Amino acid sequence: DLQHLDFPKYFKKKEITMRNENFKKIIRENDAILVNSNFVKKGLLRNYEVKNKKIFTIPFLPYKYDSKSNPSINLKEKFKISKNFFIICNHFWKHKNHDLAFSAFSRFLNDNDNYILVCTGLTNDSRFPNYFNELKKKYGKLIENEKIKILNLIPREEQIYLMQKSTAVIQPSLYEGGPGGFSAYEAVSYSKKLLLSDIKINKEINYKNVLFFSSKSSRDLYMKLKKITKTKNTLKVKNNSNINKTKLGNYFFNLIDKN
């Protein structure tokens, strides 16, 4: 992705220079480039010399690629989860916007105490090493009381299982290289309710009734949390969400043959 250009405040000048040089080298030494969003393609065209290069955009094609998606897990015993829960599957990097999600959820608890928020992912951000501690300080009581449950990094099959059992998947990110990041792909694959930040790249997701919220408004997410708990899980994918690896592979072969 082009985060170093779109969010330069998250990078040191040396890192920006290094990433730019690496990108230029990739462009210079290859005849074609694969990107997984129109957002990134437009960024390449705007920021780099790619006139004579073919740029192929991978469409939003979620599919179930995990061979073991239903492990034998007792949620109550393994994770001490006995209530309804939302889930965020992101590392605790600042641009993943946990602060906004925590703020919205703490407000939601005032209306409905029968929910918890489960978070998976590493808790360290090399660019902002104090970020997680700041979150713990700000939302300490909710974390201590396990209203916000931090699981850190867990086995993937367990993460997928939790996602399947959740009320909804929340993706509050301020920036992604692919629409919604991987957690959005997985949510669509398993026909889960999905709450997505309204950044441009996320609008490329072709998913009926997905609920978008302002990436800068915890109140908007709070309202969407209220709305999604009052509706049945009727979200459907416009395209087949269970696309297998063969179909995905054939897509690329056909794309290359045509060009």
C-alpha atoms as a PDB file:
ATOM      1  CA  ASP A   1       0.000   0.000   0.000  1.00  0.00           C
ATOM      2  CA  LEU A   2       0.981   3.676  -0.175  1.00  0.00           C
ATOM      3  CA  GLN A   3       0.462   4.515   3.462  1.00  0.00           C
ATOM      4  CA  HIS A   4       3.836   6.301   3.597  1.00  0.00           C
ATOM      5  CA  LEU A   5       2.485   8.837   1.087  1.00  0.00           C
ATOM      6  CA  ASP A   6      -1.090   9.095   2.333  1.00  0.00           C
ATOM      7  CA  PHE A   7      -0.191   9.054   6.058  1.00  0.00           C
ATOM      8  CA  PRO A   8       3.376  10.447   6.165  1.00  0.00           C
ATOM      9  CA  LYS A   9       3.001  11.397   9.854  1.00  0.00           C
ATOM     10  CA  TYR A  10       3.191   7.679  10.670  1.00  0.00           C
ATOM     11  CA  PHE A  11       6.658   7.320   9.119  1.00  0.00           C
ATOM     12  CA  LYS A  12      10.131   8.688   9.608  1.00  0.00           C
ATOM     13  CA  LYS A  13      11.616  10.534   6.636  1.00  0.00           C
ATOM     14  CA  LYS A  14      14.163   7.747   6.194  1.00  0.00           C
ATOM     15  CA  GLU A  15      11.373   5.148   5.991  1.00  0.00           C
ATOM     16  CA  ILE A  16       9.463   7.191   3.411  1.00  0.00           C
ATOM     17  CA  THR A  17      12.582   7.501   1.263  1.00  0.00           C
ATOM     18  CA  MET A  18      13.317   3.776   1.564  1.00  0.00           C
ATOM     19  CA  ARG A  19       9.763   2.764   0.653  1.00  0.00           C
ATOM     20  CA  ASN A  20       9.741   5.106  -2.338  1.00  0.00           C
ATOM     21  CA  GLU A  21      13.005   3.651  -3.607  1.00  0.00           C
ATOM     22  CA  ASN A  22      11.714   0.101  -3.184  1.00  0.00           C
ATOM     23  CA  PHE A  23       8.510   0.923  -5.037  1.00  0.00           C
ATOM     24  CA  LYS A  24      10.420   2.547  -7.898  1.00  0.00           C
ATOM     25  CA  LYS A  25      12.638  -0.513  -8.170  1.00  0.00           C
ATOM     26  CA  ILE A  26       9.639  -2.859  -8.306  1.00  0.00           C
ATOM     27  CA  ILE A  27       8.033  -0.740 -11.019  1.00  0.00           C
ATOM     28  CA  ARG A  28      11.253  -0.420 -12.998  1.00  0.00           C
ATOM     29  CA  GLU A  29      12.135  -4.121 -12.955  1.00  0.00           C
ATOM     30  CA  ASN A  30       8.703  -5.584 -13.788  1.00  0.00           C
ATOM     31  CA  ASP A  31       6.426  -5.422 -16.819  1.00  0.00           C
ATOM     32  CA  ALA A  32       3.213  -5.754 -14.813  1.00  0.00           C
ATOM     33  CA  ILE A  33       2.036  -4.983 -11.281  1.00  0.00           C
ATOM     34  CA  LEU A  34      -0.701  -6.640  -9.223  1.00  0.00           C
ATOM     35  CA  VAL A  35      -2.577  -4.527  -6.672  1.00  0.00           C
ATOM     36  CA  ASN A  36      -5.590  -5.517  -4.600  1.00  0.00           C
ATOM     37  CA  SER A  37      -7.591  -2.307  -4.855  1.00  0.00           C
ATOM     38  CA  ASN A  38      -8.471   0.478  -7.284  1.00  0.00           C
ATOM     39  CA  PHE A  39      -7.448   2.854  -4.518  1.00  0.00           C
ATOM     40  CA  VAL A  40      -3.832   1.652  -4.673  1.00  0.00           C
ATOM     41  CA  LYS A  41      -3.853   1.618  -8.484  1.00  0.00           C
ATOM     42  CA  LYS A  42      -4.894   5.268  -8.552  1.00  0.00           C
ATOM     43  CA  GLY A  43      -2.178   6.024  -5.999  1.00  0.00           C
ATOM     44  CA  LEU A  44       0.486   4.410  -8.190  1.00  0.00           C
ATOM     45  CA  LEU A  45      -0.676   6.339 -11.245  1.00  0.00           C
ATOM     46  CA  ARG A  46      -0.669   9.579  -9.280  1.00  0.00           C
ATOM     47  CA  ASN A  47       2.685   9.202  -7.532  1.00  0.00           C
ATOM     48  CA  TYR A  48       4.951   7.058  -9.722  1.00  0.00           C
ATOM     49  CA  GLU A  49       6.087   6.774 -13.324  1.00  0.00           C
ATOM     50  CA  VAL A  50       4.016   3.794 -14.477  1.00  0.00           C
ATOM     51  CA  LYS A  51       2.911   4.848 -17.980  1.00  0.00           C
ATOM     52  CA  ASN A  52       4.293   1.822 -19.799  1.00  0.00           C
ATOM     53  CA  LYS A  53       3.373  -0.704 -17.125  1.00  0.00           C
ATOM     54  CA  LYS A  54       0.303  -2.907 -16.906  1.00  0.00           C
ATOM     55  CA  ILE A  55      -1.452  -2.643 -13.567  1.00  0.00           C
ATOM     56  CA  PHE A  56      -3.931  -5.399 -12.702  1.00  0.00           C
ATOM     57  CA  THR A  57      -6.418  -4.890  -9.893  1.00  0.00           C
ATOM     58  CA  ILE A  58      -7.448  -7.973  -7.932  1.00  0.00           C
ATOM     59  CA  PRO A  59     -11.239  -7.786  -7.472  1.00  0.00           C
ATOM     60  CA  PHE A  60     -12.850  -8.202  -4.075  1.00  0.00           C
ATOM     61  CA  LEU A  61     -13.187 -12.006  -4.055  1.00  0.00           C
ATOM     62  CA  PRO A  62     -13.502 -13.392  -0.532  1.00  0.00           C
ATOM     63  CA  TYR A  63     -13.486 -17.170  -0.193  1.00  0.00           C
ATOM     64  CA  LYS A  64     -13.136 -19.769   2.547  1.00  0.00           C
ATOM     65  CA  TYR A  65      -9.546 -20.949   2.339  1.00  0.00           C
ATOM     66  CA  ASP A  66      -9.149 -22.425   5.809  1.00  0.00           C
ATOM     67  CA  SER A  67      -9.219 -26.216   5.872  1.00  0.00           C
ATOM     68  CA  LYS A  68     -10.224 -26.330   9.537  1.00  0.00           C
ATOM     69  CA  SER A  69     -12.688 -23.584  10.378  1.00  0.00           C
ATOM     70  CA  ASN A  70     -14.613 -25.329  13.163  1.00  0.00           C
ATOM     71  CA  PRO A  71     -12.152 -26.457  15.830  1.00  0.00           C
ATOM     72  CA  SER A  72     -13.404 -28.083  19.021  1.00  0.00           C
ATOM     73  CA  ILE A  73     -13.392 -25.036  21.260  1.00  0.00           C
ATOM     74  CA  ASN A  74     -15.499 -24.288  24.286  1.00  0.00           C
ATOM     75  CA  LEU A  75     -15.642 -20.490  24.198  1.00  0.00           C
ATOM     76  CA  LYS A  76     -16.609 -20.222  27.840  1.00  0.00           C
ATOM     77  CA  GLU A  77     -13.707 -22.398  29.011  1.00  0.00           C
ATOM     78  CA  LYS A  78     -11.038 -21.305  26.520  1.00  0.00           C
ATOM     79  CA  PHE A  79     -11.626 -17.549  26.431  1.00  0.00           C
ATOM     80  CA  LYS A  80     -14.112 -17.045  29.276  1.00  0.00           C
ATOM     81  CA  ILE A  81     -16.662 -15.652  26.825  1.00  0.00           C
ATOM     82  CA  SER A  82     -20.245 -16.245  27.933  1.00  0.00           C
ATOM     83  CA  LYS A  83     -21.929 -13.154  26.486  1.00  0.00           C
ATOM     84  CA  ASN A  84     -22.734 -11.862  23.033  1.00  0.00           C
ATOM     85  CA  PHE A  85     -19.689 -10.210  21.522  1.00  0.00           C
ATOM     86  CA  PHE A  86     -18.355  -8.060  18.730  1.00  0.00           C
ATOM     87  CA  ILE A  87     -14.871  -8.736  17.420  1.00  0.00           C
ATOM     88  CA  ILE A  88     -11.982  -6.670  16.039  1.00  0.00           C
ATOM     89  CA  CYS A  89      -9.189  -8.645  14.374  1.00  0.00           C
ATOM     90  CA  ASN A  90      -6.384  -6.110  13.997  1.00  0.00           C
ATOM     91  CA  HIS A  91      -2.952  -5.634  15.455  1.00  0.00           C
ATOM     92  CA  PHE A  92      -2.895  -2.686  17.842  1.00  0.00           C
ATOM     93  CA  TRP A  93      -1.343  -0.288  15.351  1.00  0.00           C
ATOM     94  CA  LYS A  94      -2.437   3.312  15.699  1.00  0.00           C
ATOM     95  CA  HIS A  95      -3.983   3.583  12.246  1.00  0.00           C
ATOM     96  CA  LYS A  96      -6.238   0.615  13.035  1.00  0.00           C
ATOM     97  CA  ASN A  97      -8.255   3.096  15.104  1.00  0.00           C
ATOM     98  CA  HIS A  98      -9.027   1.018  18.218  1.00  0.00           C
ATOM     99  CA  ASP A  99      -9.467   4.210  20.222  1.00  0.00           C
ATOM    100  CA  LEU A 100     -12.568   5.189  18.274  1.00  0.00           C
ATOM    101  CA  ALA A 101     -14.000   1.671  18.491  1.00  0.00           C
ATOM    102  CA  PHE A 102     -13.414   1.489  22.247  1.00  0.00           C
ATOM    103  CA  SER A 103     -15.047   4.874  22.737  1.00  0.00           C
ATOM    104  CA  ALA A 104     -18.126   3.827  20.741  1.00  0.00           C
ATOM    105  CA  PHE A 105     -18.391   0.493  22.535  1.00  0.00           C
ATOM    106  CA  SER A 106     -18.101   2.036  26.006  1.00  0.00           C
ATOM    107  CA  ARG A 107     -21.065   4.226  25.116  1.00  0.00           C
ATOM    108  CA  PHE A 108     -22.971   1.238  23.704  1.00  0.00           C
ATOM    109  CA  LEU A 109     -22.565  -0.578  27.043  1.00  0.00           C
ATOM    110  CA  ASN A 110     -24.691   2.084  28.709  1.00  0.00           C
ATOM    111  CA  ASP A 111     -27.619   0.838  26.587  1.00  0.00           C
ATOM    112  CA  ASN A 112     -26.805  -2.861  26.561  1.00  0.00           C
ATOM    113  CA  ASP A 113     -24.547  -4.461  29.148  1.00  0.00           C
ATOM    114  CA  ASN A 114     -24.991  -7.947  27.704  1.00  0.00           C
ATOM    115  CA  TYR A 115     -22.130  -7.589  25.200  1.00  0.00           C
ATOM    116  CA  ILE A 116     -18.359  -7.610  25.253  1.00  0.00           C
ATOM    117  CA  LEU A 117     -15.815  -6.513  22.673  1.00  0.00           C
ATOM    118  CA  VAL A 118     -13.177  -9.127  21.786  1.00  0.00           C
ATOM    119  CA  CYS A 119      -9.873  -8.027  20.245  1.00  0.00           C
ATOM    120  CA  THR A 120      -7.236 -10.248  18.671  1.00  0.00           C
ATOM    121  CA  GLY A 121      -3.812  -9.182  17.422  1.00  0.00           C
ATOM    122  CA  LEU A 122      -0.382  -8.110  18.592  1.00  0.00           C
ATOM    123  CA  THR A 123      -0.371  -5.301  21.137  1.00  0.00           C
ATOM    124  CA  ASN A 124       2.866  -3.607  20.087  1.00  0.00           C
ATOM    125  CA  ASP A 125       3.231  -0.851  17.483  1.00  0.00           C
ATOM    126  CA  SER A 126       6.882  -0.188  16.616  1.00  0.00           C
ATOM    127  CA  ARG A 127       6.037   3.286  15.312  1.00  0.00           C
ATOM    128  CA  PHE A 128       3.986   4.254  18.372  1.00  0.00           C
ATOM    129  CA  PRO A 129       5.336   2.065  21.216  1.00  0.00           C
ATOM    130  CA  ASN A 130       3.157   3.731  23.872  1.00  0.00           C
ATOM    131  CA  TYR A 131      -0.108   3.383  21.966  1.00  0.00           C
ATOM    132  CA  PHE A 132      -1.398   0.222  23.646  1.00  0.00           C
ATOM    133  CA  ASN A 133      -0.484   1.518  27.111  1.00  0.00           C
ATOM    134  CA  GLU A 134      -2.391   4.714  26.344  1.00  0.00           C
ATOM    135  CA  LEU A 135      -5.446   2.641  25.427  1.00  0.00           C
ATOM    136  CA  LYS A 136      -5.123   0.600  28.636  1.00  0.00           C
ATOM    137  CA  LYS A 137      -4.920   3.778  30.672  1.00  0.00           C
ATOM    138  CA  LYS A 138      -7.909   5.370  28.955  1.00  0.00           C
ATOM    139  CA  TYR A 139     -10.131   2.268  29.011  1.00  0.00           C
ATOM    140  CA  GLY A 140      -8.528   0.524  31.986  1.00  0.00           C
ATOM    141  CA  LYS A 141     -11.727  -0.258  33.877  1.00  0.00           C
ATOM    142  CA  LEU A 142     -13.402  -1.803  30.820  1.00  0.00           C
ATOM    143  CA  ILE A 143     -10.310  -3.910  30.105  1.00  0.00           C
ATOM    144  CA  GLU A 144      -9.876  -4.961  33.743  1.00  0.00           C
ATOM    145  CA  ASN A 145     -13.543  -5.988  33.922  1.00  0.00           C
ATOM    146  CA  GLU A 146     -13.149  -7.771  30.572  1.00  0.00           C
ATOM    147  CA  LYS A 147     -15.876  -5.791  28.898  1.00  0.00           C
ATOM    148  CA  ILE A 148     -13.130  -5.193  26.351  1.00  0.00           C
ATOM    149  CA  LYS A 149     -11.291  -8.504  26.136  1.00  0.00           C
ATOM    150  CA  ILE A 150      -7.717  -8.440  24.774  1.00  0.00           C
ATOM    151  CA  LEU A 151      -6.693 -11.900  23.534  1.00  0.00           C
ATOM    152  CA  ASN A 152      -3.450 -10.839  21.847  1.00  0.00           C
ATOM    153  CA  LEU A 153      -2.246 -13.158  19.044  1.00  0.00           C
ATOM    154  CA  ILE A 154      -4.152 -16.456  18.944  1.00  0.00           C
ATOM    155  CA  PRO A 155      -4.098 -19.417  16.507  1.00  0.00           C
ATOM    156  CA  ARG A 156      -5.802 -18.544  13.242  1.00  0.00           C
ATOM    157  CA  GLU A 157      -8.359 -21.365  13.438  1.00  0.00           C
ATOM    158  CA  GLU A 158      -9.477 -20.027  16.815  1.00  0.00           C
ATOM    159  CA  GLN A 159      -9.695 -16.497  15.467  1.00  0.00           C
ATOM    160  CA  ILE A 160     -11.893 -17.645  12.573  1.00  0.00           C
ATOM    161  CA  TYR A 161     -14.088 -19.608  14.980  1.00  0.00           C
ATOM    162  CA  LEU A 162     -14.550 -16.540  17.186  1.00  0.00           C
ATOM    163  CA  MET A 163     -15.407 -14.477  14.141  1.00  0.00           C
ATOM    164  CA  GLN A 164     -18.068 -17.007  13.139  1.00  0.00           C
ATOM    165  CA  LYS A 165     -19.596 -16.905  16.631  1.00  0.00           C
ATOM    166  CA  SER A 166     -19.542 -13.110  16.947  1.00  0.00           C
ATOM    167  CA  THR A 167     -22.517 -10.795  16.579  1.00  0.00           C
ATOM    168  CA  ALA A 168     -20.560  -8.690  14.094  1.00  0.00           C
ATOM    169  CA  VAL A 169     -17.053  -7.932  12.888  1.00  0.00           C
ATOM    170  CA  ILE A 170     -15.844  -4.350  13.349  1.00  0.00           C
ATOM    171  CA  GLN A 171     -13.133  -2.881  11.130  1.00  0.00           C
ATOM    172  CA  PRO A 172     -12.455   0.733  12.220  1.00  0.00           C
ATOM    173  CA  SER A 173      -9.168   1.161  10.318  1.00  0.00           C
ATOM    174  CA  LEU A 174      -8.069   4.554   8.987  1.00  0.00           C
ATOM    175  CA  TYR A 175      -6.011   3.011   6.208  1.00  0.00           C
ATOM    176  CA  GLU A 176      -5.788  -0.269   4.276  1.00  0.00           C
ATOM    177  CA  GLY A 177      -4.085  -1.530   1.125  1.00  0.00           C
ATOM    178  CA  GLY A 178      -6.981  -3.857   0.341  1.00  0.00           C
ATOM    179  CA  PRO A 179     -10.696  -3.193   0.951  1.00  0.00           C
ATOM    180  CA  GLY A 180     -11.426  -3.654   4.640  1.00  0.00           C
ATOM    181  CA  GLY A 181      -8.239  -5.584   5.325  1.00  0.00           C
ATOM    182  CA  PHE A 182      -8.311  -9.362   5.742  1.00  0.00           C
ATOM    183  CA  SER A 183     -10.868  -9.322   8.543  1.00  0.00           C
ATOM    184  CA  ALA A 184     -13.440  -7.857   6.146  1.00  0.00           C
ATOM    185  CA  TYR A 185     -12.715 -10.568   3.565  1.00  0.00           C
ATOM    186  CA  GLU A 186     -13.204 -13.209   6.237  1.00  0.00           C
ATOM    187  CA  ALA A 187     -16.387 -11.617   7.570  1.00  0.00           C
ATOM    188  CA  VAL A 188     -17.923 -11.639   4.087  1.00  0.00           C
ATOM    189  CA  SER A 189     -16.794 -15.235   3.491  1.00  0.00           C
ATOM    190  CA  TYR A 190     -18.671 -16.371   6.567  1.00  0.00           C
ATOM    191  CA  SER A 191     -21.691 -14.118   5.930  1.00  0.00           C
ATOM    192  CA  LYS A 192     -21.117 -12.105   9.100  1.00  0.00           C
ATOM    193  CA  LYS A 193     -22.483  -8.690   9.860  1.00  0.00           C
ATOM    194  CA  LEU A 194     -19.794  -6.151   9.074  1.00  0.00           C
ATOM    195  CA  LEU A 195     -19.232  -2.658  10.445  1.00  0.00           C
ATOM    196  CA  LEU A 196     -16.703  -0.793   8.282  1.00  0.00           C
ATOM    197  CA  SER A 197     -15.063   2.598   8.489  1.00  0.00           C
ATOM    198  CA  ASP A 198     -16.073   4.771   5.545  1.00  0.00           C
ATOM    199  CA  ILE A 199     -12.589   5.328   4.090  1.00  0.00           C
ATOM    200  CA  LYS A 200     -12.445   5.324   0.271  1.00  0.00           C
ATOM    201  CA  ILE A 201     -10.872   1.915  -0.170  1.00  0.00           C
ATOM    202  CA  ASN A 202     -13.537   0.194   1.928  1.00  0.00           C
ATOM    203  CA  LYS A 203     -16.239   1.441  -0.437  1.00  0.00           C
ATOM    204  CA  GLU A 204     -14.872  -1.014  -3.022  1.00  0.00           C
ATOM    205  CA  ILE A 205     -16.420  -3.872  -1.053  1.00  0.00           C
ATOM    206  CA  ASN A 206     -19.368  -5.360  -2.885  1.00  0.00           C
ATOM    207  CA  TYR A 207     -21.370  -6.570   0.100  1.00  0.00           C
ATOM    208  CA  LYS A 208     -25.088  -5.953   0.464  1.00  0.00           C
ATOM    209  CA  ASN A 209     -26.202  -4.138   3.642  1.00  0.00           C
ATOM    210  CA  VAL A 210     -22.739  -3.664   5.089  1.00  0.00           C
ATOM    211  CA  LEU A 211     -22.921  -0.808   7.572  1.00  0.00           C
ATOM    212  CA  PHE A 212     -20.389   1.991   7.080  1.00  0.00           C
ATOM    213  CA  PHE A 213     -19.577   4.455   9.834  1.00  0.00           C
ATOM    214  CA  SER A 214     -17.514   7.617   9.905  1.00  0.00           C
ATOM    215  CA  SER A 215     -13.879   6.799  10.663  1.00  0.00           C
ATOM    216  CA  LYS A 216     -13.767  10.023  12.695  1.00  0.00           C
ATOM    217  CA  SER A 217     -16.980   9.657  14.692  1.00  0.00           C
ATOM    218  CA  SER A 218     -17.320   7.314  17.667  1.00  0.00           C
ATOM    219  CA  ARG A 219     -20.941   8.454  17.935  1.00  0.00           C
ATOM    220  CA  ASP A 220     -21.658   7.211  14.418  1.00  0.00           C
ATOM    221  CA  LEU A 221     -20.192   3.794  15.225  1.00  0.00           C
ATOM    222  CA  TYR A 222     -22.172   3.750  18.470  1.00  0.00           C
ATOM    223  CA  MET A 223     -25.375   4.332  16.473  1.00  0.00           C
ATOM    224  CA  LYS A 224     -24.448   1.543  14.045  1.00  0.00           C
ATOM    225  CA  LEU A 225     -23.798  -0.839  16.945  1.00  0.00           C
ATOM    226  CA  LYS A 226     -27.290  -0.109  18.225  1.00  0.00           C
ATOM    227  CA  LYS A 227     -28.763  -0.616  14.774  1.00  0.00           C
ATOM    228  CA  ILE A 228     -26.978  -3.873  14.029  1.00  0.00           C
ATOM    229  CA  THR A 229     -28.091  -5.495  17.284  1.00  0.00           C
ATOM    230  CA  LYS A 230     -31.718  -4.767  16.417  1.00  0.00           C
ATOM    231  CA  THR A 231     -31.622  -6.442  12.995  1.00  0.00           C
ATOM    232  CA  LYS A 232     -31.437 -10.075  11.984  1.00  0.00           C
ATOM    233  CA  ASN A 233     -28.309 -11.447  10.321  1.00  0.00           C
ATOM    234  CA  THR A 234     -29.591 -11.120   6.751  1.00  0.00           C
ATOM    235  CA  LEU A 235     -26.492  -9.752   5.086  1.00  0.00           C
ATOM    236  CA  LYS A 236     -25.777 -11.332   1.723  1.00  0.00           C
ATOM    237  CA  VAL A 237     -22.900 -11.134  -0.701  1.00  0.00           C
ATOM    238  CA  LYS A 238     -23.720  -9.959  -4.228  1.00  0.00           C
ATOM    239  CA  ASN A 239     -21.014 -12.224  -5.616  1.00  0.00           C
ATOM    240  CA  ASN A 240     -20.393 -15.799  -4.452  1.00  0.00           C
ATOM    241  CA  SER A 241     -18.520 -15.557  -1.149  1.00  0.00           C
ATOM    242  CA  ASN A 242     -17.406 -19.179  -1.276  1.00  0.00           C
ATOM    243  CA  ILE A 243     -15.136 -18.758  -4.284  1.00  0.00           C
ATOM    244  CA  ASN A 244     -12.507 -21.492  -4.193  1.00  0.00           C
ATOM    245  CA  LYS A 245      -8.836 -21.323  -4.982  1.00  0.00           C
ATOM    246  CA  THR A 246      -9.303 -22.827  -8.455  1.00  0.00           C
ATOM    247  CA  LYS A 247     -11.761 -20.123  -9.499  1.00  0.00           C
ATOM    248  CA  LEU A 248      -9.521 -17.434  -8.108  1.00  0.00           C
ATOM    249  CA  GLY A 249      -6.520 -18.892  -9.919  1.00  0.00           C
ATOM    250  CA  ASN A 250      -8.481 -19.125 -13.188  1.00  0.00           C
ATOM    251  CA  TYR A 251      -9.379 -15.463 -12.862  1.00  0.00           C
ATOM    252  CA  PHE A 252      -5.715 -14.481 -12.922  1.00  0.00           C
ATOM    253  CA  PHE A 253      -4.842 -16.823 -15.783  1.00  0.00           C
ATOM    254  CA  ASN A 254      -7.674 -15.385 -17.865  1.00  0.00           C
ATOM    255  CA  LEU A 255      -6.602 -11.868 -16.961  1.00  0.00           C
ATOM    256  CA  ILE A 256      -3.027 -12.532 -18.095  1.00  0.00           C
ATOM    257  CA  ASP A 257      -4.147 -14.279 -21.300  1.00  0.00           C
ATOM    258  CA  LYS A 258      -6.281 -11.300 -22.293  1.00  0.00           C
ATOM    259  CA  ASN A 259      -3.373  -8.946 -21.850  1.00  0.00           C
END
